[in-house]
Amino acid sequence: LIARILLAGLACAAAGAPRAPPAGGGEGDQRVGSLRFTAIQAGAKFT
């Protein structure tokens, strides 16, 4: 019973822990995301 409680606690802790970022890489362009910018013109922000 104690072992099961400890295992359950470890599982919950692992589930709540931050995950490491995934390995690998990839390619992208305007079809799979956005590239935006903001600046100030005449005292007002534009995008």
ModelCIF file with pLDDT and N, C-alpha, C, O atoms, coordinates in Angstrom:
data_MODEL
#
_entry.id   MODEL 
#
_entity.id                         1 
_entity.type                       polymer 
_entity.pdbx_number_of_molecules   1 
#
_entity_poly.entity_id                      1 
_entity_poly.type                           'polypeptide(L)' 
_entity_poly.nstd_linkage                   no 
_entity_poly.nstd_monomer                   no 
_entity_poly.pdbx_seq_one_letter_code       LIARILLAGLACAAAGAPRAPPAGGGEGDQRVGSLRFTAIQAGAKFT 
_entity_poly.pdbx_seq_one_letter_code_can   LIARILLAGLACAAAGAPRAPPAGGGEGDQRVGSLRFTAIQAGAKFT 
_entity_poly.pdbx_strand_id                 A 
#
loop_
_entity_poly_seq.entity_id 
_entity_poly_seq.num 
_entity_poly_seq.mon_id 
_entity_poly_seq.hetero 
1 1  LEU n 
1 2  ILE n 
1 3  ALA n 
1 4  ARG n 
1 5  ILE n 
1 6  LEU n 
1 7  LEU n 
1 8  ALA n 
1 9  GLY n 
1 10 LEU n 
1 11 ALA n 
1 12 CYS n 
1 13 ALA n 
1 14 ALA n 
1 15 ALA n 
1 16 GLY n 
1 17 ALA n 
1 18 PRO n 
1 19 ARG n 
1 20 ALA n 
1 21 PRO n 
1 22 PRO n 
1 23 ALA n 
1 24 GLY n 
1 25 GLY n 
1 26 GLY n 
1 27 GLU n 
1 28 GLY n 
1 29 ASP n 
1 30 GLN n 
1 31 ARG n 
1 32 VAL n 
1 33 GLY n 
1 34 SER n 
1 35 LEU n 
1 36 ARG n 
1 37 PHE n 
1 38 THR n 
1 39 ALA n 
1 40 ILE n 
1 41 GLN n 
1 42 ALA n 
1 43 GLY n 
1 44 ALA n 
1 45 LYS n 
1 46 PHE n 
1 47 THR n 
#
_struct_asym.id          A 
_struct_asym.entity_id   1 
#
loop_
_ma_qa_metric.id 
_ma_qa_metric.mode 
_ma_qa_metric.name 
_ma_qa_metric.software_group_id 
_ma_qa_metric.type 
1 global pLDDT . pLDDT 
2 local  pLDDT . pLDDT 
#
_ma_qa_metric_global.metric_id      1 
_ma_qa_metric_global.metric_value   67.96 
_ma_qa_metric_global.model_id       1 
_ma_qa_metric_global.ordinal_id     1 
#
loop_
_ma_qa_metric_local.label_asym_id 
_ma_qa_metric_local.label_comp_id 
_ma_qa_metric_local.label_seq_id 
_ma_qa_metric_local.metric_id 
_ma_qa_metric_local.metric_value 
_ma_qa_metric_local.model_id 
_ma_qa_metric_local.ordinal_id 
A LEU 1  2 38.00 1 1  
A ILE 2  2 37.00 1 2  
A ALA 3  2 39.00 1 3  
A ARG 4  2 41.00 1 4  
A ILE 5  2 35.00 1 5  
A LEU 6  2 34.00 1 6  
A LEU 7  2 39.00 1 7  
A ALA 8  2 42.00 1 8  
A GLY 9  2 42.00 1 9  
A LEU 10 2 35.00 1 10 
A ALA 11 2 40.00 1 11 
A CYS 12 2 39.00 1 12 
A ALA 13 2 36.00 1 13 
A ALA 14 2 37.00 1 14 
A ALA 15 2 39.00 1 15 
A GLY 16 2 39.00 1 16 
A ALA 17 2 38.00 1 17 
A PRO 18 2 40.00 1 18 
A ARG 19 2 46.00 1 19 
A ALA 20 2 48.00 1 20 
A PRO 21 2 50.00 1 21 
A PRO 22 2 56.00 1 22 
A ALA 23 2 58.00 1 23 
A GLY 24 2 70.00 1 24 
A GLY 25 2 82.00 1 25 
A GLY 26 2 92.00 1 26 
A GLU 27 2 94.00 1 27 
A GLY 28 2 94.00 1 28 
A ASP 29 2 95.00 1 29 
A GLN 30 2 96.00 1 30 
A ARG 31 2 94.00 1 31 
A VAL 32 2 91.00 1 32 
A GLY 33 2 95.00 1 33 
A SER 34 2 97.00 1 34 
A LEU 35 2 98.00 1 35 
A ARG 36 2 98.00 1 36 
A PHE 37 2 98.00 1 37 
A THR 38 2 98.00 1 38 
A ALA 39 2 97.00 1 39 
A ILE 40 2 96.00 1 40 
A GLN 41 2 94.00 1 41 
A ALA 42 2 92.00 1 42 
A GLY 43 2 92.00 1 43 
A ALA 44 2 94.00 1 44 
A LYS 45 2 96.00 1 45 
A PHE 46 2 96.00 1 46 
A THR 47 2 97.00 1 47 
#
loop_
_atom_site.group_PDB 
_atom_site.id 
_atom_site.type_symbol 
_atom_site.label_atom_id 
_atom_site.label_alt_id 
_atom_site.label_comp_id 
_atom_site.label_asym_id 
_atom_site.label_entity_id 
_atom_site.label_seq_id 
_atom_site.pdbx_PDB_ins_code 
_atom_site.Cartn_x 
_atom_site.Cartn_y 
_atom_site.Cartn_z 
_atom_site.occupancy 
_atom_site.B_iso_or_equiv 
_atom_site.pdbx_formal_charge 
_atom_site.auth_seq_id 
_atom_site.auth_comp_id 
_atom_site.auth_asym_id 
_atom_site.auth_atom_id 
_atom_site.pdbx_PDB_model_num 
ATOM 1   N N  . LEU A 1 1  ? 0.829  -1.195 0.000   1.00 38.00 ? 1  LEU A N  1 
ATOM 2   C CA . LEU A 1 1  ? 0.000  0.000  0.000   1.00 38.00 ? 1  LEU A CA 1 
ATOM 3   C C  . LEU A 1 1  ? 0.869  1.254  0.000   1.00 38.00 ? 1  LEU A C  1 
ATOM 4   O O  . LEU A 1 1  ? 0.607  2.198  -0.745  1.00 38.00 ? 1  LEU A O  1 
ATOM 5   N N  . ILE A 1 2  ? 1.909  1.259  0.842   1.00 37.00 ? 2  ILE A N  1 
ATOM 6   C CA . ILE A 1 2  ? 2.823  2.408  0.889   1.00 37.00 ? 2  ILE A CA 1 
ATOM 7   C C  . ILE A 1 2  ? 3.520  2.593  -0.454  1.00 37.00 ? 2  ILE A C  1 
ATOM 8   O O  . ILE A 1 2  ? 3.684  3.715  -0.934  1.00 37.00 ? 2  ILE A O  1 
ATOM 9   N N  . ALA A 1 3  ? 3.927  1.477  -1.051  1.00 39.00 ? 3  ALA A N  1 
ATOM 10  C CA . ALA A 1 3  ? 4.596  1.552  -2.356  1.00 39.00 ? 3  ALA A CA 1 
ATOM 11  C C  . ALA A 1 3  ? 3.687  2.162  -3.405  1.00 39.00 ? 3  ALA A C  1 
ATOM 12  O O  . ALA A 1 3  ? 4.116  2.984  -4.215  1.00 39.00 ? 3  ALA A O  1 
ATOM 13  N N  . ARG A 1 4  ? 2.392  1.741  -3.382  1.00 41.00 ? 4  ARG A N  1 
ATOM 14  C CA . ARG A 1 4  ? 1.451  2.279  -4.375  1.00 41.00 ? 4  ARG A CA 1 
ATOM 15  C C  . ARG A 1 4  ? 1.247  3.781  -4.167  1.00 41.00 ? 4  ARG A C  1 
ATOM 16  O O  . ARG A 1 4  ? 1.153  4.537  -5.134  1.00 41.00 ? 4  ARG A O  1 
ATOM 17  N N  . ILE A 1 5  ? 1.178  4.209  -2.907  1.00 35.00 ? 5  ILE A N  1 
ATOM 18  C CA . ILE A 1 5  ? 1.008  5.639  -2.615  1.00 35.00 ? 5  ILE A CA 1 
ATOM 19  C C  . ILE A 1 5  ? 2.213  6.440  -3.104  1.00 35.00 ? 5  ILE A C  1 
ATOM 20  O O  . ILE A 1 5  ? 2.072  7.510  -3.697  1.00 35.00 ? 5  ILE A O  1 
ATOM 21  N N  . LEU A 1 6  ? 3.420  5.886  -2.835  1.00 34.00 ? 6  LEU A N  1 
ATOM 22  C CA . LEU A 1 6  ? 4.630  6.575  -3.272  1.00 34.00 ? 6  LEU A CA 1 
ATOM 23  C C  . LEU A 1 6  ? 4.706  6.673  -4.789  1.00 34.00 ? 6  LEU A C  1 
ATOM 24  O O  . LEU A 1 6  ? 5.072  7.716  -5.330  1.00 34.00 ? 6  LEU A O  1 
ATOM 25  N N  . LEU A 1 7  ? 4.359  5.578  -5.479  1.00 39.00 ? 7  LEU A N  1 
ATOM 26  C CA . LEU A 1 7  ? 4.391  5.580  -6.945  1.00 39.00 ? 7  LEU A CA 1 
ATOM 27  C C  . LEU A 1 7  ? 3.392  6.573  -7.512  1.00 39.00 ? 7  LEU A C  1 
ATOM 28  O O  . LEU A 1 7  ? 3.679  7.281  -8.477  1.00 39.00 ? 7  LEU A O  1 
ATOM 29  N N  . ALA A 1 8  ? 2.194  6.615  -6.889  1.00 42.00 ? 8  ALA A N  1 
ATOM 30  C CA . ALA A 1 8  ? 1.183  7.560  -7.358  1.00 42.00 ? 8  ALA A CA 1 
ATOM 31  C C  . ALA A 1 8  ? 1.671  8.994  -7.171  1.00 42.00 ? 8  ALA A C  1 
ATOM 32  O O  . ALA A 1 8  ? 1.461  9.845  -8.035  1.00 42.00 ? 8  ALA A O  1 
ATOM 33  N N  . GLY A 1 9  ? 2.323  9.255  -6.038  1.00 42.00 ? 9  GLY A N  1 
ATOM 34  C CA . GLY A 1 9  ? 2.852  10.596 -5.796  1.00 42.00 ? 9  GLY A CA 1 
ATOM 35  C C  . GLY A 1 9  ? 3.921  10.975 -6.788  1.00 42.00 ? 9  GLY A C  1 
ATOM 36  O O  . GLY A 1 9  ? 3.959  12.111 -7.259  1.00 42.00 ? 9  GLY A O  1 
ATOM 37  N N  . LEU A 1 10 ? 4.799  10.028 -7.115  1.00 35.00 ? 10 LEU A N  1 
ATOM 38  C CA . LEU A 1 10 ? 5.846  10.313 -8.106  1.00 35.00 ? 10 LEU A CA 1 
ATOM 39  C C  . LEU A 1 10 ? 5.247  10.589 -9.474  1.00 35.00 ? 10 LEU A C  1 
ATOM 40  O O  . LEU A 1 10 ? 5.719  11.467 -10.196 1.00 35.00 ? 10 LEU A O  1 
ATOM 41  N N  . ALA A 1 11 ? 4.199  9.836  -9.837  1.00 40.00 ? 11 ALA A N  1 
ATOM 42  C CA . ALA A 1 11 ? 3.557  10.033 -11.134 1.00 40.00 ? 11 ALA A CA 1 
ATOM 43  C C  . ALA A 1 11 ? 2.938  11.426 -11.211 1.00 40.00 ? 11 ALA A C  1 
ATOM 44  O O  . ALA A 1 11 ? 3.048  12.101 -12.235 1.00 40.00 ? 11 ALA A O  1 
ATOM 45  N N  . CYS A 1 12 ? 2.281  11.861 -10.119 1.00 39.00 ? 12 CYS A N  1 
ATOM 46  C CA . CYS A 1 12 ? 1.675  13.185 -10.113 1.00 39.00 ? 12 CYS A CA 1 
ATOM 47  C C  . CYS A 1 12 ? 2.744  14.272 -10.211 1.00 39.00 ? 12 CYS A C  1 
ATOM 48  O O  . CYS A 1 12 ? 2.576  15.264 -10.919 1.00 39.00 ? 12 CYS A O  1 
ATOM 49  N N  . ALA A 1 13 ? 3.843  14.067 -9.488  1.00 36.00 ? 13 ALA A N  1 
ATOM 50  C CA . ALA A 1 13 ? 4.926  15.053 -9.531  1.00 36.00 ? 13 ALA A CA 1 
ATOM 51  C C  . ALA A 1 13 ? 5.499  15.163 -10.924 1.00 36.00 ? 13 ALA A C  1 
ATOM 52  O O  . ALA A 1 13 ? 5.778  16.262 -11.405 1.00 36.00 ? 13 ALA A O  1 
ATOM 53  N N  . ALA A 1 14 ? 5.679  14.002 -11.589 1.00 37.00 ? 14 ALA A N  1 
ATOM 54  C CA . ALA A 1 14 ? 6.221  14.014 -12.950 1.00 37.00 ? 14 ALA A CA 1 
ATOM 55  C C  . ALA A 1 14 ? 5.271  14.707 -13.905 1.00 37.00 ? 14 ALA A C  1 
ATOM 56  O O  . ALA A 1 14 ? 5.697  15.437 -14.800 1.00 37.00 ? 14 ALA A O  1 
ATOM 57  N N  . ALA A 1 15 ? 3.956  14.471 -13.708 1.00 39.00 ? 15 ALA A N  1 
ATOM 58  C CA . ALA A 1 15 ? 2.976  15.099 -14.601 1.00 39.00 ? 15 ALA A CA 1 
ATOM 59  C C  . ALA A 1 15 ? 2.971  16.614 -14.446 1.00 39.00 ? 15 ALA A C  1 
ATOM 60  O O  . ALA A 1 15 ? 2.744  17.346 -15.409 1.00 39.00 ? 15 ALA A O  1 
ATOM 61  N N  . GLY A 1 16 ? 3.227  17.080 -13.214 1.00 39.00 ? 16 GLY A N  1 
ATOM 62  C CA . GLY A 1 16 ? 3.194  18.519 -12.982 1.00 39.00 ? 16 GLY A CA 1 
ATOM 63  C C  . GLY A 1 16 ? 4.500  19.209 -13.268 1.00 39.00 ? 16 GLY A C  1 
ATOM 64  O O  . GLY A 1 16 ? 4.541  20.436 -13.356 1.00 39.00 ? 16 GLY A O  1 
ATOM 65  N N  . ALA A 1 17 ? 5.575  18.449 -13.416 1.00 38.00 ? 17 ALA A N  1 
ATOM 66  C CA . ALA A 1 17 ? 6.882  19.054 -13.653 1.00 38.00 ? 17 ALA A CA 1 
ATOM 67  C C  . ALA A 1 17 ? 6.967  19.615 -15.052 1.00 38.00 ? 17 ALA A C  1 
ATOM 68  O O  . ALA A 1 17 ? 6.352  19.066 -15.966 1.00 38.00 ? 17 ALA A O  1 
ATOM 69  N N  . PRO A 1 18 ? 7.713  20.699 -15.252 1.00 40.00 ? 18 PRO A N  1 
ATOM 70  C CA . PRO A 1 18 ? 7.860  21.260 -16.593 1.00 40.00 ? 18 PRO A CA 1 
ATOM 71  C C  . PRO A 1 18 ? 8.593  20.289 -17.511 1.00 40.00 ? 18 PRO A C  1 
ATOM 72  O O  . PRO A 1 18 ? 9.597  19.685 -17.133 1.00 40.00 ? 18 PRO A O  1 
ATOM 73  N N  . ARG A 1 19 ? 8.080  20.157 -18.694 1.00 46.00 ? 19 ARG A N  1 
ATOM 74  C CA . ARG A 1 19 ? 8.693  19.240 -19.651 1.00 46.00 ? 19 ARG A CA 1 
ATOM 75  C C  . ARG A 1 19 ? 9.862  19.900 -20.352 1.00 46.00 ? 19 ARG A C  1 
ATOM 76  O O  . ARG A 1 19 ? 9.859  21.102 -20.620 1.00 46.00 ? 19 ARG A O  1 
ATOM 77  N N  . ALA A 1 20 ? 10.862 19.083 -20.643 1.00 48.00 ? 20 ALA A N  1 
ATOM 78  C CA . ALA A 1 20 ? 12.001 19.604 -21.401 1.00 48.00 ? 20 ALA A CA 1 
ATOM 79  C C  . ALA A 1 20 ? 11.549 19.945 -22.808 1.00 48.00 ? 20 ALA A C  1 
ATOM 80  O O  . ALA A 1 20 ? 10.674 19.266 -23.346 1.00 48.00 ? 20 ALA A O  1 
ATOM 81  N N  . PRO A 1 21 ? 12.117 20.973 -23.422 1.00 50.00 ? 21 PRO A N  1 
ATOM 82  C CA . PRO A 1 21 ? 11.731 21.312 -24.789 1.00 50.00 ? 21 PRO A CA 1 
ATOM 83  C C  . PRO A 1 21 ? 12.089 20.179 -25.737 1.00 50.00 ? 21 PRO A C  1 
ATOM 84  O O  . PRO A 1 21 ? 13.076 19.475 -25.519 1.00 50.00 ? 21 PRO A O  1 
ATOM 85  N N  . PRO A 1 22 ? 11.303 19.999 -26.777 1.00 56.00 ? 22 PRO A N  1 
ATOM 86  C CA . PRO A 1 22 ? 11.539 18.892 -27.692 1.00 56.00 ? 22 PRO A CA 1 
ATOM 87  C C  . PRO A 1 22 ? 12.816 19.082 -28.495 1.00 56.00 ? 22 PRO A C  1 
ATOM 88  O O  . PRO A 1 22 ? 13.245 20.204 -28.766 1.00 56.00 ? 22 PRO A O  1 
ATOM 89  N N  . ALA A 1 23 ? 13.403 17.968 -28.863 1.00 58.00 ? 23 ALA A N  1 
ATOM 90  C CA . ALA A 1 23 ? 14.598 18.016 -29.702 1.00 58.00 ? 23 ALA A CA 1 
ATOM 91  C C  . ALA A 1 23 ? 14.182 18.072 -31.162 1.00 58.00 ? 23 ALA A C  1 
ATOM 92  O O  . ALA A 1 23 ? 13.023 17.836 -31.504 1.00 58.00 ? 23 ALA A O  1 
ATOM 93  N N  . GLY A 1 24 ? 15.131 18.384 -32.004 1.00 70.00 ? 24 GLY A N  1 
ATOM 94  C CA . GLY A 1 24 ? 14.855 18.382 -33.432 1.00 70.00 ? 24 GLY A CA 1 
ATOM 95  C C  . GLY A 1 24 ? 14.986 19.763 -34.027 1.00 70.00 ? 24 GLY A C  1 
ATOM 96  O O  . GLY A 1 24 ? 15.856 20.541 -33.635 1.00 70.00 ? 24 GLY A O  1 
ATOM 97  N N  . GLY A 1 25 ? 14.131 20.060 -34.960 1.00 82.00 ? 25 GLY A N  1 
ATOM 98  C CA . GLY A 1 25 ? 14.164 21.342 -35.640 1.00 82.00 ? 25 GLY A CA 1 
ATOM 99  C C  . GLY A 1 25 ? 13.070 21.350 -36.668 1.00 82.00 ? 25 GLY A C  1 
ATOM 100 O O  . GLY A 1 25 ? 12.103 20.597 -36.555 1.00 82.00 ? 25 GLY A O  1 
ATOM 101 N N  . GLY A 1 26 ? 13.203 22.177 -37.657 1.00 92.00 ? 26 GLY A N  1 
ATOM 102 C CA . GLY A 1 26 ? 12.181 22.198 -38.683 1.00 92.00 ? 26 GLY A CA 1 
ATOM 103 C C  . GLY A 1 26 ? 12.319 23.392 -39.597 1.00 92.00 ? 26 GLY A C  1 
ATOM 104 O O  . GLY A 1 26 ? 13.275 24.164 -39.524 1.00 92.00 ? 26 GLY A O  1 
ATOM 105 N N  . GLU A 1 27 ? 11.325 23.514 -40.463 1.00 94.00 ? 27 GLU A N  1 
ATOM 106 C CA . GLU A 1 27 ? 11.269 24.604 -41.424 1.00 94.00 ? 27 GLU A CA 1 
ATOM 107 C C  . GLU A 1 27 ? 9.898  25.254 -41.346 1.00 94.00 ? 27 GLU A C  1 
ATOM 108 O O  . GLU A 1 27 ? 8.910  24.613 -40.987 1.00 94.00 ? 27 GLU A O  1 
ATOM 109 N N  . GLY A 1 28 ? 9.851  26.528 -41.685 1.00 94.00 ? 28 GLY A N  1 
ATOM 110 C CA . GLY A 1 28 ? 8.578  27.223 -41.659 1.00 94.00 ? 28 GLY A CA 1 
ATOM 111 C C  . GLY A 1 28 ? 8.557  28.400 -42.594 1.00 94.00 ? 28 GLY A C  1 
ATOM 112 O O  . GLY A 1 28 ? 9.592  28.848 -43.087 1.00 94.00 ? 28 GLY A O  1 
ATOM 113 N N  . ASP A 1 29 ? 7.348  28.900 -42.834 1.00 95.00 ? 29 ASP A N  1 
ATOM 114 C CA . ASP A 1 29 ? 7.156  30.093 -43.649 1.00 95.00 ? 29 ASP A CA 1 
ATOM 115 C C  . ASP A 1 29 ? 5.807  30.691 -43.285 1.00 95.00 ? 29 ASP A C  1 
ATOM 116 O O  . ASP A 1 29 ? 5.197  30.315 -42.284 1.00 95.00 ? 29 ASP A O  1 
ATOM 117 N N  . GLN A 1 30 ? 5.348  31.629 -44.112 1.00 96.00 ? 30 GLN A N  1 
ATOM 118 C CA . GLN A 1 30 ? 4.112  32.334 -43.817 1.00 96.00 ? 30 GLN A CA 1 
ATOM 119 C C  . GLN A 1 30 ? 2.886  31.420 -43.801 1.00 96.00 ? 30 GLN A C  1 
ATOM 120 O O  . GLN A 1 30 ? 1.836  31.812 -43.292 1.00 96.00 ? 30 GLN A O  1 
ATOM 121 N N  . ARG A 1 31 ? 3.002  30.219 -44.343 1.00 94.00 ? 31 ARG A N  1 
ATOM 122 C CA . ARG A 1 31 ? 1.858  29.303 -44.348 1.00 94.00 ? 31 ARG A CA 1 
ATOM 123 C C  . ARG A 1 31 ? 1.650  28.625 -43.005 1.00 94.00 ? 31 ARG A C  1 
ATOM 124 O O  . ARG A 1 31 ? 0.579  28.073 -42.755 1.00 94.00 ? 31 ARG A O  1 
ATOM 125 N N  . VAL A 1 32 ? 2.648  28.654 -42.140 1.00 91.00 ? 32 VAL A N  1 
ATOM 126 C CA . VAL A 1 32 ? 2.553  27.945 -40.861 1.00 91.00 ? 32 VAL A CA 1 
ATOM 127 C C  . VAL A 1 32 ? 2.834  28.868 -39.670 1.00 91.00 ? 32 VAL A C  1 
ATOM 128 O O  . VAL A 1 32 ? 3.231  28.411 -38.599 1.00 91.00 ? 32 VAL A O  1 
ATOM 129 N N  . GLY A 1 33 ? 2.625  30.157 -39.872 1.00 95.00 ? 33 GLY A N  1 
ATOM 130 C CA . GLY A 1 33 ? 2.866  31.057 -38.754 1.00 95.00 ? 33 GLY A CA 1 
ATOM 131 C C  . GLY A 1 33 ? 2.828  32.509 -39.167 1.00 95.00 ? 33 GLY A C  1 
ATOM 132 O O  . GLY A 1 33 ? 2.421  32.847 -40.278 1.00 95.00 ? 33 GLY A O  1 
ATOM 133 N N  . SER A 1 34 ? 3.257  33.360 -38.260 1.00 97.00 ? 34 SER A N  1 
ATOM 134 C CA . SER A 1 34 ? 3.230  34.797 -38.505 1.00 97.00 ? 34 SER A CA 1 
ATOM 135 C C  . SER A 1 34 ? 4.527  35.437 -38.046 1.00 97.00 ? 34 SER A C  1 
ATOM 136 O O  . SER A 1 34 ? 5.183  34.967 -37.117 1.00 97.00 ? 34 SER A O  1 
ATOM 137 N N  . LEU A 1 35 ? 4.876  36.517 -38.719 1.00 98.00 ? 35 LEU A N  1 
ATOM 138 C CA . LEU A 1 35 ? 6.029  37.337 -38.367 1.00 98.00 ? 35 LEU A CA 1 
ATOM 139 C C  . LEU A 1 35 ? 5.548  38.783 -38.374 1.00 98.00 ? 35 LEU A C  1 
ATOM 140 O O  . LEU A 1 35 ? 5.305  39.359 -39.435 1.00 98.00 ? 35 LEU A O  1 
ATOM 141 N N  . ARG A 1 36 ? 5.413  39.368 -37.184 1.00 98.00 ? 36 ARG A N  1 
ATOM 142 C CA . ARG A 1 36 ? 4.828  40.692 -37.045 1.00 98.00 ? 36 ARG A CA 1 
ATOM 143 C C  . ARG A 1 36 ? 5.820  41.651 -36.375 1.00 98.00 ? 36 ARG A C  1 
ATOM 144 O O  . ARG A 1 36 ? 6.840  41.233 -35.828 1.00 98.00 ? 36 ARG A O  1 
ATOM 145 N N  . PHE A 1 37 ? 5.497  42.934 -36.433 1.00 98.00 ? 37 PHE A N  1 
ATOM 146 C CA . PHE A 1 37 ? 6.311  43.924 -35.754 1.00 98.00 ? 37 PHE A CA 1 
ATOM 147 C C  . PHE A 1 37 ? 5.414  45.056 -35.270 1.00 98.00 ? 37 PHE A C  1 
ATOM 148 O O  . PHE A 1 37 ? 4.321  45.274 -35.794 1.00 98.00 ? 37 PHE A O  1 
ATOM 149 N N  . THR A 1 38 ? 5.903  45.773 -34.257 1.00 98.00 ? 38 THR A N  1 
ATOM 150 C CA . THR A 1 38 ? 5.194  46.931 -33.732 1.00 98.00 ? 38 THR A CA 1 
ATOM 151 C C  . THR A 1 38 ? 6.153  48.117 -33.708 1.00 98.00 ? 38 THR A C  1 
ATOM 152 O O  . THR A 1 38 ? 7.352  47.956 -33.482 1.00 98.00 ? 38 THR A O  1 
ATOM 153 N N  . ALA A 1 39 ? 5.612  49.302 -33.942 1.00 97.00 ? 39 ALA A N  1 
ATOM 154 C CA . ALA A 1 39 ? 6.401  50.527 -33.904 1.00 97.00 ? 39 ALA A CA 1 
ATOM 155 C C  . ALA A 1 39 ? 5.486  51.680 -33.501 1.00 97.00 ? 39 ALA A C  1 
ATOM 156 O O  . ALA A 1 39 ? 4.270  51.520 -33.402 1.00 97.00 ? 39 ALA A O  1 
ATOM 157 N N  . ILE A 1 40 ? 6.088  52.832 -33.273 1.00 96.00 ? 40 ILE A N  1 
ATOM 158 C CA . ILE A 1 40 ? 5.327  54.006 -32.867 1.00 96.00 ? 40 ILE A CA 1 
ATOM 159 C C  . ILE A 1 40 ? 5.356  55.044 -33.985 1.00 96.00 ? 40 ILE A C  1 
ATOM 160 O O  . ILE A 1 40 ? 6.425  55.416 -34.468 1.00 96.00 ? 40 ILE A O  1 
ATOM 161 N N  . GLN A 1 41 ? 4.183  55.508 -34.390 1.00 94.00 ? 41 GLN A N  1 
ATOM 162 C CA . GLN A 1 41 ? 4.066  56.566 -35.387 1.00 94.00 ? 41 GLN A CA 1 
ATOM 163 C C  . GLN A 1 41 ? 3.146  57.641 -34.828 1.00 94.00 ? 41 GLN A C  1 
ATOM 164 O O  . GLN A 1 41 ? 2.009  57.358 -34.453 1.00 94.00 ? 41 GLN A O  1 
ATOM 165 N N  . ALA A 1 42 ? 3.639  58.877 -34.772 1.00 92.00 ? 42 ALA A N  1 
ATOM 166 C CA . ALA A 1 42 ? 2.857  60.003 -34.250 1.00 92.00 ? 42 ALA A CA 1 
ATOM 167 C C  . ALA A 1 42 ? 2.294  59.698 -32.868 1.00 92.00 ? 42 ALA A C  1 
ATOM 168 O O  . ALA A 1 42 ? 1.151  60.039 -32.562 1.00 92.00 ? 42 ALA A O  1 
ATOM 169 N N  . GLY A 1 43 ? 3.108  59.051 -32.037 1.00 92.00 ? 43 GLY A N  1 
ATOM 170 C CA . GLY A 1 43 ? 2.708  58.774 -30.665 1.00 92.00 ? 43 GLY A CA 1 
ATOM 171 C C  . GLY A 1 43 ? 1.789  57.594 -30.480 1.00 92.00 ? 43 GLY A C  1 
ATOM 172 O O  . GLY A 1 43 ? 1.395  57.303 -29.350 1.00 92.00 ? 43 GLY A O  1 
ATOM 173 N N  . ALA A 1 44 ? 1.430  56.898 -31.550 1.00 94.00 ? 44 ALA A N  1 
ATOM 174 C CA . ALA A 1 44 ? 0.514  55.756 -31.452 1.00 94.00 ? 44 ALA A CA 1 
ATOM 175 C C  . ALA A 1 44 ? 1.186  54.497 -31.990 1.00 94.00 ? 44 ALA A C  1 
ATOM 176 O O  . ALA A 1 44 ? 1.920  54.542 -32.977 1.00 94.00 ? 44 ALA A O  1 
ATOM 177 N N  . LYS A 1 45 ? 0.928  53.386 -31.333 1.00 96.00 ? 45 LYS A N  1 
ATOM 178 C CA . LYS A 1 45 ? 1.502  52.108 -31.774 1.00 96.00 ? 45 LYS A CA 1 
ATOM 179 C C  . LYS A 1 45 ? 0.743  51.582 -32.991 1.00 96.00 ? 45 LYS A C  1 
ATOM 180 O O  . LYS A 1 45 ? -0.483 51.667 -33.055 1.00 96.00 ? 45 LYS A O  1 
ATOM 181 N N  . PHE A 1 46 ? 1.476  51.047 -33.938 1.00 96.00 ? 46 PHE A N  1 
ATOM 182 C CA . PHE A 1 46 ? 0.851  50.341 -35.052 1.00 96.00 ? 46 PHE A CA 1 
ATOM 183 C C  . PHE A 1 46 ? 1.540  48.998 -35.229 1.00 96.00 ? 46 PHE A C  1 
ATOM 184 O O  . PHE A 1 46 ? 2.682  48.808 -34.811 1.00 96.00 ? 46 PHE A O  1 
ATOM 185 N N  . THR A 1 47 ? 0.836  48.082 -35.848 1.00 97.00 ? 47 THR A N  1 
ATOM 186 C CA . THR A 1 47 ? 1.341  46.729 -36.064 1.00 97.00 ? 47 THR A CA 1 
ATOM 187 C C  . THR A 1 47 ? 1.426  46.438 -37.550 1.00 97.00 ? 47 THR A C  1 
ATOM 188 O O  . THR A 1 47 ? 1.831  45.344 -37.942 1.00 97.00 ? 47 THR A O  1 
#
